[in-house]
């Protein structure tokens, strides 16, 4: 059979890809060992099962659930995106340097510099409180070479923003931010040859990777000033409510609220990032996939809240409008998830670039709006680069 979807996030399985042809009995055993609720196969590229049961098309039900989430308003920001973005850029840069330093120290057996970590997380928290979209929008900027550092910064920012959107107090936001920034500290002990391997991991290599939550926990536990929340996040961000995670196979209510939130954030940033062995998904596609996984892999209620935080069409998403124009989402609406500001730059009807124009989808005819999003699109499909049009024209 040709596996189209393993039913779990790619970080939770040892295969180089989430879709591939099953060729050996050993591969079949490795798929079974994942204990996922369901595996999707592509009958056009492999053999079908006998007497397949009827089921509802996942795309239809997922889209309906996405639209239902969009009806609930987002949390307004006290400062505009334009006002906060330069500060957020500086905060992100500093946070990246802090993570790089922490990982280097951990690899050398040195203690984590808690003071520097604390200072940068305070800056992250302050920026999120001013305008969460500014720092969150920067998480779309990915780099294969600096994945580990950028990923930790993104998880920190997204987790703090997640706490804010759920009405948690500033102290909790701060502790969650510490956990997000340091959650992958254990990866410092993974050999680079395994961490950056472009092909499939062997079972032995995968077991080494799976040790990083425990290794990170052990490193941080010996660090004075690290509280229980960051320790919990470091140890449990790969656990799953259905008990299929690691390292302790905890399930359901055994997992703290913040560790379940961290698991969502960690997977979202990971699957939207390019790696040497993985092409990142567009953000809108990733959110739909996570919604499908939430029946077993994530807390469904938290998944819904996270989607509302990030937006149905996150910043940087390429979208097709009813007018036939392609545009990139450049700013979320303060409260409406379906009507962001979009910079249009391409006509699908003529197949040509057009003069870039900012369209506020929340405004009516004669006010620069009067259009709506039909779908999120793939930049590869249209052979365009949306990032070129993110900056103001």
Foldseek 3Di string as FASTA:
>chain_A
DWFPALLDFPLLAQALDRTGDDDDPVVVVRSVLLVHPDTDGDCVVHPDDPPDDDDDDLVVVLVVLLVVLLVFWFAFAQADLVVLQVLLVVLLVLLLVLLVVLLVCVLVVHARPVVSLLVSLVSLLVSLNRPLQNNQLVLLDADQVSHVSSLLSNLLSLLLNLCVRVPHDSVVSSLLSSLSNQLQSLCSNQDPCLVQPQGGDDPVSSVSVLCSLVSSLVRVVPHPPRDPSSSLLNNQLQEFQQQSGDDVSDHDPVRDPSSLLSVVSSSLSVQQYDYSSHHHDQNLVSLSSVCSSCVTGGPNVSSSSSCSSQANQHFQWWFQKPQQWIWTFQAADSIRRFFGWTWTFAHNVVLGGDDTDIAGCVDPPPPRHPMGTPGTDDCVVSVHRNVVPNDDD
